[in-house]
């Protein structure tokens, strides 16, 4: 299984955003208190277990525990905050994003494959 890293600080986010200039980043914004978000996390993890795209960094941000990071992502990428939300970042900008029940293994695969 390909693993994701949890981003918990604004400095880690800034580093990940800068690195997206060289390697795309797929980040899941996850609420630990929301059943829809729990389903999205399960879909994300299922995707990572089954032939995930290579050459991509994978990350997770817990929106309640790391609220400043979540807010910074929305600000830096000019996206409305939603949770769950998955965002593909390329060249330090949002390339694709979706939220709620659209965060599925099938949808991720359609975008990344």
PDB file of N, CA and C in Angstrom:
ATOM      1  N   UNK A   1       0.841  -1.191   0.000  1.00  0.00           N
ATOM      2  CA  UNK A   1       0.000   0.000   0.000  1.00  0.00           C
ATOM      3  C   UNK A   1       0.877   1.242   0.000  1.00  0.00           C
ATOM      4  N   UNK A   2       0.529   2.182  -0.849  1.00  0.00           N
ATOM      5  CA  UNK A   2       1.172   3.488  -0.813  1.00  0.00           C
ATOM      6  C   UNK A   2       0.621   4.233   0.392  1.00  0.00           C
ATOM      7  N   UNK A   3       1.485   4.897   1.116  1.00  0.00           N
ATOM      8  CA  UNK A   3       1.048   5.597   2.310  1.00  0.00           C
ATOM      9  C   UNK A   3       0.944   7.090   2.050  1.00  0.00           C
ATOM     10  N   UNK A   4       0.100   7.727   2.831  1.00  0.00           N
ATOM     11  CA  UNK A   4       0.006   9.180   2.797  1.00  0.00           C
ATOM     12  C   UNK A   4       0.665   9.715   4.057  1.00  0.00           C
ATOM     13  N   UNK A   5       1.037  10.975   3.989  1.00  0.00           N
ATOM     14  CA  UNK A   5       1.570  11.612   5.196  1.00  0.00           C
ATOM     15  C   UNK A   5       0.546  12.609   5.695  1.00  0.00           C
ATOM     16  N   UNK A   6       0.496  12.756   6.987  1.00  0.00           N
ATOM     17  CA  UNK A   6      -0.412  13.732   7.562  1.00  0.00           C
ATOM     18  C   UNK A   6       0.296  15.084   7.652  1.00  0.00           C
ATOM     19  N   UNK A   7      -0.360  16.102   7.167  1.00  0.00           N
ATOM     20  CA  UNK A   7       0.158  17.463   7.261  1.00  0.00           C
ATOM     21  C   UNK A   7      -0.530  18.129   8.449  1.00  0.00           C
ATOM     22  N   UNK A   8       0.272  18.570   9.417  1.00  0.00           N
ATOM     23  CA  UNK A   8      -0.298  19.116  10.653  1.00  0.00           C
ATOM     24  C   UNK A   8       0.092  20.566  10.919  1.00  0.00           C
ATOM     25  N   UNK A   9       1.038  21.085  10.146  1.00  0.00           N
ATOM     26  CA  UNK A   9       1.478  22.467  10.373  1.00  0.00           C
ATOM     27  C   UNK A   9       1.434  23.245   9.060  1.00  0.00           C
ATOM     28  N   UNK A  10       1.332  24.558   9.184  1.00  0.00           N
ATOM     29  CA  UNK A  10       1.340  25.402   7.996  1.00  0.00           C
ATOM     30  C   UNK A  10       2.685  25.305   7.266  1.00  0.00           C
ATOM     31  N   UNK A  11       3.760  25.121   8.010  1.00  0.00           N
ATOM     32  CA  UNK A  11       5.083  24.980   7.387  1.00  0.00           C
ATOM     33  C   UNK A  11       5.133  23.704   6.537  1.00  0.00           C
ATOM     34  N   UNK A  12       4.574  22.610   7.038  1.00  0.00           N
ATOM     35  CA  UNK A  12       4.526  21.377   6.254  1.00  0.00           C
ATOM     36  C   UNK A  12       3.687  21.574   4.997  1.00  0.00           C
ATOM     37  N   UNK A  13       2.570  22.288   5.122  1.00  0.00           N
ATOM     38  CA  UNK A  13       1.731  22.570   3.954  1.00  0.00           C
ATOM     39  C   UNK A  13       2.502  23.394   2.928  1.00  0.00           C
ATOM     40  N   UNK A  14       3.163  24.438   3.377  1.00  0.00           N
ATOM     41  CA  UNK A  14       3.917  25.298   2.463  1.00  0.00           C
ATOM     42  C   UNK A  14       4.978  24.487   1.728  1.00  0.00           C
ATOM     43  N   UNK A  15       5.653  23.614   2.441  1.00  0.00           N
ATOM     44  CA  UNK A  15       6.661  22.746   1.827  1.00  0.00           C
ATOM     45  C   UNK A  15       6.021  21.822   0.785  1.00  0.00           C
ATOM     46  N   UNK A  16       4.881  21.232   1.118  1.00  0.00           N
ATOM     47  CA  UNK A  16       4.183  20.331   0.191  1.00  0.00           C
ATOM     48  C   UNK A  16       3.694  21.096  -1.033  1.00  0.00           C
ATOM     49  N   UNK A  17       3.177  22.297  -0.823  1.00  0.00           N
ATOM     50  CA  UNK A  17       2.710  23.127  -1.929  1.00  0.00           C
ATOM     51  C   UNK A  17       3.868  23.465  -2.869  1.00  0.00           C
ATOM     52  N   UNK A  18       4.997  23.875  -2.311  1.00  0.00           N
ATOM     53  CA  UNK A  18       6.179  24.194  -3.124  1.00  0.00           C
ATOM     54  C   UNK A  18       6.651  22.966  -3.906  1.00  0.00           C
ATOM     55  N   UNK A  19       6.640  21.799  -3.253  1.00  0.00           N
ATOM     56  CA  UNK A  19       7.099  20.563  -3.893  1.00  0.00           C
ATOM     57  C   UNK A  19       6.201  20.149  -5.054  1.00  0.00           C
ATOM     58  N   UNK A  20       4.943  20.635  -5.055  1.00  0.00           N
ATOM     59  CA  UNK A  20       4.028  20.274  -6.144  1.00  0.00           C
ATOM     60  C   UNK A  20       4.466  20.852  -7.483  1.00  0.00           C
ATOM     61  N   UNK A  21       5.436  21.743  -7.472  1.00  0.00           N
ATOM     62  CA  UNK A  21       5.999  22.255  -8.724  1.00  0.00           C
ATOM     63  C   UNK A  21       6.766  21.154  -9.447  1.00  0.00           C
ATOM     64  N   UNK A  22       7.274  20.173  -8.682  1.00  0.00           N
ATOM     65  CA  UNK A  22       8.041  19.065  -9.256  1.00  0.00           C
ATOM     66  C   UNK A  22       7.273  17.752  -9.288  1.00  0.00           C
ATOM     67  N   UNK A  23       6.355  17.574  -8.319  1.00  0.00           N
ATOM     68  CA  UNK A  23       5.631  16.313  -8.190  1.00  0.00           C
ATOM     69  C   UNK A  23       4.217  16.627  -7.701  1.00  0.00           C
ATOM     70  N   UNK A  24       3.181  16.189  -8.427  1.00  0.00           N
ATOM     71  CA  UNK A  24       1.812  16.483  -8.002  1.00  0.00           C
ATOM     72  C   UNK A  24       1.527  15.963  -6.591  1.00  0.00           C
ATOM     73  N   UNK A  25       0.576  16.603  -5.942  1.00  0.00           N
ATOM     74  CA  UNK A  25       0.166  16.273  -4.579  1.00  0.00           C
ATOM     75  C   UNK A  25      -1.332  16.039  -4.561  1.00  0.00           C
ATOM     76  N   UNK A  26      -1.754  14.923  -3.985  1.00  0.00           N
ATOM     77  CA  UNK A  26      -3.169  14.660  -3.777  1.00  0.00           C
ATOM     78  C   UNK A  26      -3.413  14.715  -2.281  1.00  0.00           C
ATOM     79  N   UNK A  27      -4.240  15.652  -1.845  1.00  0.00           N
ATOM     80  CA  UNK A  27      -4.483  15.846  -0.419  1.00  0.00           C
ATOM     81  C   UNK A  27      -5.965  15.671  -0.116  1.00  0.00           C
ATOM     82  N   UNK A  28      -6.230  14.885   0.911  1.00  0.00           N
ATOM     83  CA  UNK A  28      -7.590  14.692   1.401  1.00  0.00           C
ATOM     84  C   UNK A  28      -7.767  15.506   2.664  1.00  0.00           C
ATOM     85  N   UNK A  29      -8.747  16.398   2.660  1.00  0.00           N
ATOM     86  CA  UNK A  29      -9.128  17.138   3.857  1.00  0.00           C
ATOM     87  C   UNK A  29     -10.233  16.332   4.527  1.00  0.00           C
ATOM     88  N   UNK A  30      -9.970  15.883   5.753  1.00  0.00           N
ATOM     89  CA  UNK A  30     -10.805  14.890   6.431  1.00  0.00           C
ATOM     90  C   UNK A  30     -11.276  15.394   7.786  1.00  0.00           C
ATOM     91  N   UNK A  31     -12.567  15.243   8.038  1.00  0.00           N
ATOM     92  CA  UNK A  31     -13.114  15.549   9.360  1.00  0.00           C
ATOM     93  C   UNK A  31     -13.260  14.255  10.140  1.00  0.00           C
ATOM     94  N   UNK A  32     -12.635  14.204  11.311  1.00  0.00           N
ATOM     95  CA  UNK A  32     -12.687  12.996  12.137  1.00  0.00           C
ATOM     96  C   UNK A  32     -14.036  12.841  12.846  1.00  0.00           C
ATOM     97  N   UNK A  33     -14.939  13.795  12.658  1.00  0.00           N
ATOM     98  CA  UNK A  33     -16.253  13.744  13.310  1.00  0.00           C
ATOM     99  C   UNK A  33     -17.409  13.541  12.337  1.00  0.00           C
ATOM    100  N   UNK A  34     -17.107  13.268  11.091  1.00  0.00           N
ATOM    101  CA  UNK A  34     -18.151  13.224  10.059  1.00  0.00           C
ATOM    102  C   UNK A  34     -18.203  11.855   9.392  1.00  0.00           C
ATOM    103  N   UNK A  35     -19.371  11.207   9.371  1.00  0.00           N
ATOM    104  CA  UNK A  35     -19.475   9.903   8.714  1.00  0.00           C
ATOM    105  C   UNK A  35     -19.219   9.956   7.202  1.00  0.00           C
ATOM    106  N   UNK A  36     -19.595  11.038   6.539  1.00  0.00           N
ATOM    107  CA  UNK A  36     -19.314  11.168   5.109  1.00  0.00           C
ATOM    108  C   UNK A  36     -17.804  11.219   4.891  1.00  0.00           C
ATOM    109  N   UNK A  37     -17.123  11.947   5.773  1.00  0.00           N
ATOM    110  CA  UNK A  37     -15.672  12.045   5.676  1.00  0.00           C
ATOM    111  C   UNK A  37     -15.008  10.700   5.972  1.00  0.00           C
ATOM    112  N   UNK A  38     -15.553   9.957   6.893  1.00  0.00           N
ATOM    113  CA  UNK A  38     -15.014   8.609   7.179  1.00  0.00           C
ATOM    114  C   UNK A  38     -15.122   7.720   5.948  1.00  0.00           C
ATOM    115  N   UNK A  39     -16.226   7.833   5.233  1.00  0.00           N
ATOM    116  CA  UNK A  39     -16.401   7.057   3.996  1.00  0.00           C
ATOM    117  C   UNK A  39     -15.390   7.505   2.941  1.00  0.00           C
ATOM    118  N   UNK A  40     -15.150   8.814   2.857  1.00  0.00           N
ATOM    119  CA  UNK A  40     -14.169   9.336   1.896  1.00  0.00           C
ATOM    120  C   UNK A  40     -12.761   8.841   2.229  1.00  0.00           C
ATOM    121  N   UNK A  41     -12.415   8.827   3.512  1.00  0.00           N
ATOM    122  CA  UNK A  41     -11.103   8.327   3.932  1.00  0.00           C
ATOM    123  C   UNK A  41     -10.955   6.858   3.557  1.00  0.00           C
ATOM    124  N   UNK A  42     -12.007   6.088   3.730  1.00  0.00           N
ATOM    125  CA  UNK A  42     -11.966   4.672   3.357  1.00  0.00           C
ATOM    126  C   UNK A  42     -11.749   4.521   1.847  1.00  0.00           C
ATOM    127  N   UNK A  43     -12.411   5.337   1.055  1.00  0.00           N
ATOM    128  CA  UNK A  43     -12.227   5.311  -0.404  1.00  0.00           C
ATOM    129  C   UNK A  43     -10.790   5.683  -0.782  1.00  0.00           C
ATOM    130  N   UNK A  44     -10.258   6.711  -0.126  1.00  0.00           N
ATOM    131  CA  UNK A  44      -8.877   7.167  -0.363  1.00  0.00           C
ATOM    132  C   UNK A  44      -7.894   6.046  -0.046  1.00  0.00           C
ATOM    133  N   UNK A  45      -8.074   5.418   1.102  1.00  0.00           N
ATOM    134  CA  UNK A  45      -7.181   4.329   1.501  1.00  0.00           C
ATOM    135  C   UNK A  45      -7.336   3.119   0.590  1.00  0.00           C
ATOM    136  N   UNK A  46      -8.564   2.829   0.149  1.00  0.00           N
ATOM    137  CA  UNK A  46      -8.768   1.728  -0.801  1.00  0.00           C
ATOM    138  C   UNK A  46      -8.040   2.016  -2.113  1.00  0.00           C
ATOM    139  N   UNK A  47      -8.095   3.261  -2.567  1.00  0.00           N
ATOM    140  CA  UNK A  47      -7.369   3.636  -3.783  1.00  0.00           C
ATOM    141  C   UNK A  47      -5.871   3.397  -3.598  1.00  0.00           C
ATOM    142  N   UNK A  48      -5.343   3.786  -2.449  1.00  0.00           N
ATOM    143  CA  UNK A  48      -3.903   3.661  -2.203  1.00  0.00           C
ATOM    144  C   UNK A  48      -3.455   2.206  -2.061  1.00  0.00           C
ATOM    145  N   UNK A  49      -4.368   1.318  -1.739  1.00  0.00           N
ATOM    146  CA  UNK A  49      -4.047  -0.109  -1.614  1.00  0.00           C
ATOM    147  C   UNK A  49      -4.022  -0.806  -2.970  1.00  0.00           C
ATOM    148  N   UNK A  50      -4.656  -0.225  -3.974  1.00  0.00           N
ATOM    149  CA  UNK A  50      -4.892  -0.906  -5.238  1.00  0.00           C
ATOM    150  C   UNK A  50      -4.343  -0.119  -6.423  1.00  0.00           C
ATOM    151  N   UNK A  51      -3.087  -0.287  -6.732  1.00  0.00           N
ATOM    152  CA  UNK A  51      -2.445   0.318  -7.897  1.00  0.00           C
ATOM    153  C   UNK A  51      -2.579   1.837  -7.976  1.00  0.00           C
ATOM    154  N   UNK A  52      -2.153   2.556  -6.941  1.00  0.00           N
ATOM    155  CA  UNK A  52      -2.224   4.020  -7.027  1.00  0.00           C
ATOM    156  C   UNK A  52      -1.247   4.552  -8.075  1.00  0.00           C
ATOM    157  N   UNK A  53      -1.582   5.695  -8.615  1.00  0.00           N
ATOM    158  CA  UNK A  53      -0.713   6.334  -9.603  1.00  0.00           C
ATOM    159  C   UNK A  53       0.647   6.615  -8.982  1.00  0.00           C
ATOM    160  N   UNK A  54       1.691   6.381  -9.770  1.00  0.00           N
ATOM    161  CA  UNK A  54       3.048   6.657  -9.307  1.00  0.00           C
ATOM    162  C   UNK A  54       3.388   8.112  -9.602  1.00  0.00           C
ATOM    163  N   UNK A  55       4.395   8.614  -8.923  1.00  0.00           N
ATOM    164  CA  UNK A  55       4.851   9.967  -9.181  1.00  0.00           C
ATOM    165  C   UNK A  55       3.973  11.034  -8.559  1.00  0.00           C
ATOM    166  N   UNK A  56       3.210  10.650  -7.550  1.00  0.00           N
ATOM    167  CA  UNK A  56       2.331  11.585  -6.850  1.00  0.00           C
ATOM    168  C   UNK A  56       2.590  11.460  -5.359  1.00  0.00           C
ATOM    169  N   UNK A  57       2.619  12.595  -4.673  1.00  0.00           N
ATOM    170  CA  UNK A  57       2.675  12.597  -3.211  1.00  0.00           C
ATOM    171  C   UNK A  57       1.243  12.555  -2.697  1.00  0.00           C
ATOM    172  N   UNK A  58       1.026  11.794  -1.649  1.00  0.00           N
ATOM    173  CA  UNK A  58      -0.302  11.645  -1.063  1.00  0.00           C
ATOM    174  C   UNK A  58      -0.272  12.179   0.364  1.00  0.00           C
ATOM    175  N   UNK A  59      -1.309  12.950   0.718  1.00  0.00           N
ATOM    176  CA  UNK A  59      -1.339  13.572   2.043  1.00  0.00           C
ATOM    177  C   UNK A  59      -2.761  13.607   2.592  1.00  0.00           C
ATOM    178  N   UNK A  60      -2.827  13.847   3.901  1.00  0.00           N
ATOM    179  CA  UNK A  60      -4.088  13.956   4.625  1.00  0.00           C
ATOM    180  C   UNK A  60      -3.992  15.135   5.575  1.00  0.00           C
ATOM    181  N   UNK A  61      -5.065  15.907   5.660  1.00  0.00           N
ATOM    182  CA  UNK A  61      -5.161  16.985   6.646  1.00  0.00           C
ATOM    183  C   UNK A  61      -6.449  16.765   7.424  1.00  0.00           C
ATOM    184  N   UNK A  62      -6.330  16.664   8.737  1.00  0.00           N
ATOM    185  CA  UNK A  62      -7.507  16.560   9.601  1.00  0.00           C
ATOM    186  C   UNK A  62      -7.991  17.981   9.879  1.00  0.00           C
ATOM    187  N   UNK A  63      -9.179  18.294   9.364  1.00  0.00           N
ATOM    188  CA  UNK A  63      -9.635  19.687   9.359  1.00  0.00           C
ATOM    189  C   UNK A  63      -9.956  20.238  10.741  1.00  0.00           C
ATOM    190  N   UNK A  64     -10.342  19.400  11.678  1.00  0.00           N
ATOM    191  CA  UNK A  64     -10.644  19.887  13.035  1.00  0.00           C
ATOM    192  C   UNK A  64      -9.353  20.052  13.828  1.00  0.00           C
ATOM    193  N   UNK A  65      -8.523  19.031  13.802  1.00  0.00           N
ATOM    194  CA  UNK A  65      -7.278  19.048  14.567  1.00  0.00           C
ATOM    195  C   UNK A  65      -6.256  20.025  13.985  1.00  0.00           C
ATOM    196  N   UNK A  66      -6.312  20.260  12.699  1.00  0.00           N
ATOM    197  CA  UNK A  66      -5.336  21.135  12.027  1.00  0.00           C
ATOM    198  C   UNK A  66      -6.063  22.240  11.256  1.00  0.00           C
ATOM    199  N   UNK A  67      -6.954  22.914  11.932  1.00  0.00           N
ATOM    200  CA  UNK A  67      -7.780  23.952  11.300  1.00  0.00           C
ATOM    201  C   UNK A  67      -6.959  25.028  10.576  1.00  0.00           C
ATOM    202  N   UNK A  68      -5.856  25.540  11.184  1.00  0.00           N
ATOM    203  CA  UNK A  68      -5.078  26.557  10.459  1.00  0.00           C
ATOM    204  C   UNK A  68      -4.534  26.043   9.116  1.00  0.00           C
ATOM    205  N   UNK A  69      -4.143  24.783   9.072  1.00  0.00           N
ATOM    206  CA  UNK A  69      -3.638  24.195   7.827  1.00  0.00           C
ATOM    207  C   UNK A  69      -4.767  24.106   6.808  1.00  0.00           C
ATOM    208  N   UNK A  70      -5.920  23.636   7.238  1.00  0.00           N
ATOM    209  CA  UNK A  70      -7.080  23.524   6.364  1.00  0.00           C
ATOM    210  C   UNK A  70      -7.455  24.888   5.783  1.00  0.00           C
ATOM    211  N   UNK A  71      -7.463  25.898   6.623  1.00  0.00           N
ATOM    212  CA  UNK A  71      -7.781  27.251   6.161  1.00  0.00           C
ATOM    213  C   UNK A  71      -6.736  27.767   5.173  1.00  0.00           C
ATOM    214  N   UNK A  72      -5.470  27.462   5.430  1.00  0.00           N
ATOM    215  CA  UNK A  72      -4.378  27.914   4.561  1.00  0.00           C
ATOM    216  C   UNK A  72      -4.477  27.256   3.183  1.00  0.00           C
ATOM    217  N   UNK A  73      -4.863  25.994   3.158  1.00  0.00           N
ATOM    218  CA  UNK A  73      -5.044  25.294   1.887  1.00  0.00           C
ATOM    219  C   UNK A  73      -6.127  26.003   1.061  1.00  0.00           C
ATOM    220  N   UNK A  74      -7.251  26.283   1.696  1.00  0.00           N
ATOM    221  CA  UNK A  74      -8.348  26.968   1.002  1.00  0.00           C
ATOM    222  C   UNK A  74      -7.886  28.324   0.474  1.00  0.00           C
ATOM    223  N   UNK A  75      -7.140  29.038   1.280  1.00  0.00           N
ATOM    224  CA  UNK A  75      -6.642  30.365   0.888  1.00  0.00           C
ATOM    225  C   UNK A  75      -5.615  30.262  -0.245  1.00  0.00           C
ATOM    226  N   UNK A  76      -4.622  29.392  -0.071  1.00  0.00           N
ATOM    227  CA  UNK A  76      -3.543  29.285  -1.056  1.00  0.00           C
ATOM    228  C   UNK A  76      -4.033  28.797  -2.418  1.00  0.00           C
ATOM    229  N   UNK A  77      -5.016  27.897  -2.403  1.00  0.00           N
ATOM    230  CA  UNK A  77      -5.482  27.306  -3.659  1.00  0.00           C
ATOM    231  C   UNK A  77      -6.750  27.965  -4.190  1.00  0.00           C
ATOM    232  N   UNK A  78      -7.258  28.926  -3.434  1.00  0.00           N
ATOM    233  CA  UNK A  78      -8.478  29.633  -3.819  1.00  0.00           C
ATOM    234  C   UNK A  78      -9.635  28.660  -4.056  1.00  0.00           C
ATOM    235  N   UNK A  79      -9.824  27.761  -3.079  1.00  0.00           N
ATOM    236  CA  UNK A  79     -10.933  26.815  -3.116  1.00  0.00           C
ATOM    237  C   UNK A  79     -11.782  27.010  -1.862  1.00  0.00           C
ATOM    238  N   UNK A  80     -13.065  26.858  -2.023  1.00  0.00           N
ATOM    239  CA  UNK A  80     -13.973  26.926  -0.886  1.00  0.00           C
ATOM    240  C   UNK A  80     -13.721  25.708  -0.003  1.00  0.00           C
ATOM    241  N   UNK A  81     -13.617  25.927   1.311  1.00  0.00           N
ATOM    242  CA  UNK A  81     -13.407  24.814   2.232  1.00  0.00           C
ATOM    243  C   UNK A  81     -14.629  23.902   2.236  1.00  0.00           C
ATOM    244  N   UNK A  82     -14.364  22.617   2.084  1.00  0.00           N
ATOM    245  CA  UNK A  82     -15.393  21.603   2.237  1.00  0.00           C
ATOM    246  C   UNK A  82     -14.743  20.407   2.908  1.00  0.00           C
ATOM    247  N   UNK A  83     -15.575  19.583   3.525  1.00  0.00           N
ATOM    248  CA  UNK A  83     -15.045  18.393   4.171  1.00  0.00           C
ATOM    249  C   UNK A  83     -16.109  17.300   4.118  1.00  0.00           C
ATOM    250  N   UNK A  84     -15.695  16.145   3.607  1.00  0.00           N
ATOM    251  CA  UNK A  84     -14.386  15.830   3.050  1.00  0.00           C
ATOM    252  C   UNK A  84     -14.193  16.519   1.702  1.00  0.00           C
ATOM    253  N   UNK A  85     -12.928  16.706   1.397  1.00  0.00           N
ATOM    254  CA  UNK A  85     -12.561  17.340   0.132  1.00  0.00           C
ATOM    255  C   UNK A  85     -11.227  16.753  -0.310  1.00  0.00           C
ATOM    256  N   UNK A  86     -11.128  16.457  -1.587  1.00  0.00           N
ATOM    257  CA  UNK A  86      -9.866  15.967  -2.131  1.00  0.00           C
ATOM    258  C   UNK A  86      -9.412  16.932  -3.212  1.00  0.00           C
ATOM    259  N   UNK A  87      -8.124  17.251  -3.180  1.00  0.00           N
ATOM    260  CA  UNK A  87      -7.587  18.262  -4.094  1.00  0.00           C
ATOM    261  C   UNK A  87      -6.294  17.731  -4.717  1.00  0.00           C
ATOM    262  N   UNK A  88      -6.221  17.807  -6.035  1.00  0.00           N
ATOM    263  CA  UNK A  88      -4.994  17.488  -6.746  1.00  0.00           C
ATOM    264  C   UNK A  88      -4.285  18.809  -7.031  1.00  0.00           C
ATOM    265  N   UNK A  89      -3.059  18.920  -6.551  1.00  0.00           N
ATOM    266  CA  UNK A  89      -2.274  20.144  -6.691  1.00  0.00           C
ATOM    267  C   UNK A  89      -1.115  19.869  -7.642  1.00  0.00           C
ATOM    268  N   UNK A  90      -1.022  20.698  -8.679  1.00  0.00           N
ATOM    269  CA  UNK A  90       0.092  20.626  -9.631  1.00  0.00           C
ATOM    270  C   UNK A  90       0.624  22.031  -9.817  1.00  0.00           C
ATOM    271  N   UNK A  91       1.932  22.156  -9.844  1.00  0.00           N
ATOM    272  CA  UNK A  91       2.556  23.459 -10.078  1.00  0.00           C
ATOM    273  C   UNK A  91       2.029  24.531  -9.122  1.00  0.00           C
ATOM    274  N   UNK A  92       1.859  24.127  -7.869  1.00  0.00           N
ATOM    275  CA  UNK A  92       1.457  25.036  -6.784  1.00  0.00           C
ATOM    276  C   UNK A  92       0.057  25.625  -6.971  1.00  0.00           C
ATOM    277  N   UNK A  93      -0.806  24.906  -7.694  1.00  0.00           N
ATOM    278  CA  UNK A  93      -2.171  25.381  -7.912  1.00  0.00           C
ATOM    279  C   UNK A  93      -3.135  24.193  -7.938  1.00  0.00           C
ATOM    280  N   UNK A  94      -4.399  24.479  -7.650  1.00  0.00           N
ATOM    281  CA  UNK A  94      -5.426  23.445  -7.726  1.00  0.00           C
ATOM    282  C   UNK A  94      -5.587  23.024  -9.185  1.00  0.00           C
ATOM    283  N   UNK A  95      -5.500  21.739  -9.415  1.00  0.00           N
ATOM    284  CA  UNK A  95      -5.708  21.178 -10.737  1.00  0.00           C
ATOM    285  C   UNK A  95      -7.111  20.567 -10.832  1.00  0.00           C
ATOM    286  N   UNK A  96      -7.522  19.925  -9.720  1.00  0.00           N
ATOM    287  CA  UNK A  96      -8.828  19.258  -9.650  1.00  0.00           C
ATOM    288  C   UNK A  96      -9.226  19.165  -8.188  1.00  0.00           C
ATOM    289  N   UNK A  97     -10.520  19.265  -7.932  1.00  0.00           N
ATOM    290  CA  UNK A  97     -11.016  19.102  -6.565  1.00  0.00           C
ATOM    291  C   UNK A  97     -12.452  18.593  -6.615  1.00  0.00           C
ATOM    292  N   UNK A  98     -12.796  17.831  -5.601  1.00  0.00           N
ATOM    293  CA  UNK A  98     -14.174  17.402  -5.423  1.00  0.00           C
ATOM    294  C   UNK A  98     -14.411  17.174  -3.937  1.00  0.00           C
ATOM    295  N   UNK A  99     -15.658  16.964  -3.581  1.00  0.00           N
ATOM    296  CA  UNK A  99     -15.952  16.834  -2.153  1.00  0.00           C
ATOM    297  C   UNK A  99     -17.111  15.870  -1.909  1.00  0.00           C
ATOM    298  N   UNK A 100     -17.331  15.643  -0.660  1.00  0.00           N
ATOM    299  CA  UNK A 100     -18.425  14.841  -0.124  1.00  0.00           C
ATOM    300  C   UNK A 100     -18.488  13.463  -0.784  1.00  0.00           C
ATOM    301  N   UNK A 101     -19.656  13.064  -1.275  1.00  0.00           N
ATOM    302  CA  UNK A 101     -19.823  11.711  -1.800  1.00  0.00           C
ATOM    303  C   UNK A 101     -19.092  11.485  -3.118  1.00  0.00           C
ATOM    304  N   UNK A 102     -18.531  12.530  -3.703  1.00  0.00           N
ATOM    305  CA  UNK A 102     -17.759  12.363  -4.941  1.00  0.00           C
ATOM    306  C   UNK A 102     -16.329  11.905  -4.686  1.00  0.00           C
ATOM    307  N   UNK A 103     -15.926  11.860  -3.427  1.00  0.00           N
ATOM    308  CA  UNK A 103     -14.589  11.368  -3.097  1.00  0.00           C
ATOM    309  C   UNK A 103     -14.672   9.838  -3.061  1.00  0.00           C
ATOM    310  N   UNK A 104     -14.418   9.230  -4.218  1.00  0.00           N
ATOM    311  CA  UNK A 104     -14.486   7.772  -4.337  1.00  0.00           C
ATOM    312  C   UNK A 104     -13.227   7.253  -5.026  1.00  0.00           C
ATOM    313  N   UNK A 105     -12.944   6.000  -4.785  1.00  0.00           N
ATOM    314  CA  UNK A 105     -11.809   5.346  -5.443  1.00  0.00           C
ATOM    315  C   UNK A 105     -11.965   5.439  -6.958  1.00  0.00           C
ATOM    316  N   UNK A 106     -13.163   5.205  -7.446  1.00  0.00           N
ATOM    317  CA  UNK A 106     -13.422   5.243  -8.882  1.00  0.00           C
ATOM    318  C   UNK A 106     -13.162   6.641  -9.452  1.00  0.00           C
ATOM    319  N   UNK A 107     -13.592   7.658  -8.744  1.00  0.00           N
ATOM    320  CA  UNK A 107     -13.405   9.041  -9.210  1.00  0.00           C
ATOM    321  C   UNK A 107     -11.913   9.422  -9.168  1.00  0.00           C
ATOM    322  N   UNK A 108     -11.227   9.039  -8.103  1.00  0.00           N
ATOM    323  CA  UNK A 108      -9.796   9.316  -8.000  1.00  0.00           C
ATOM    324  C   UNK A 108      -9.051   8.645  -9.156  1.00  0.00           C
ATOM    325  N   UNK A 109      -9.386   7.391  -9.383  1.00  0.00           N
ATOM    326  CA  UNK A 109      -8.725   6.644 -10.461  1.00  0.00           C
ATOM    327  C   UNK A 109      -8.987   7.302 -11.824  1.00  0.00           C
ATOM    328  N   UNK A 110     -10.202   7.763 -12.057  1.00  0.00           N
ATOM    329  CA  UNK A 110     -10.551   8.403 -13.331  1.00  0.00           C
ATOM    330  C   UNK A 110      -9.709   9.658 -13.570  1.00  0.00           C
ATOM    331  N   UNK A 111      -9.380  10.367 -12.517  1.00  0.00           N
ATOM    332  CA  UNK A 111      -8.593  11.594 -12.639  1.00  0.00           C
ATOM    333  C   UNK A 111      -7.096  11.295 -12.767  1.00  0.00           C
ATOM    334  N   UNK A 112      -6.607  10.333 -11.999  1.00  0.00           N
ATOM    335  CA  UNK A 112      -5.159  10.094 -11.920  1.00  0.00           C
ATOM    336  C   UNK A 112      -4.624   9.093 -12.939  1.00  0.00           C
ATOM    337  N   UNK A 113      -5.452   8.215 -13.407  1.00  0.00           N
ATOM    338  CA  UNK A 113      -4.965   7.175 -14.339  1.00  0.00           C
ATOM    339  C   UNK A 113      -4.973   7.640 -15.783  1.00  0.00           C
TER     340      UNK A 113
END
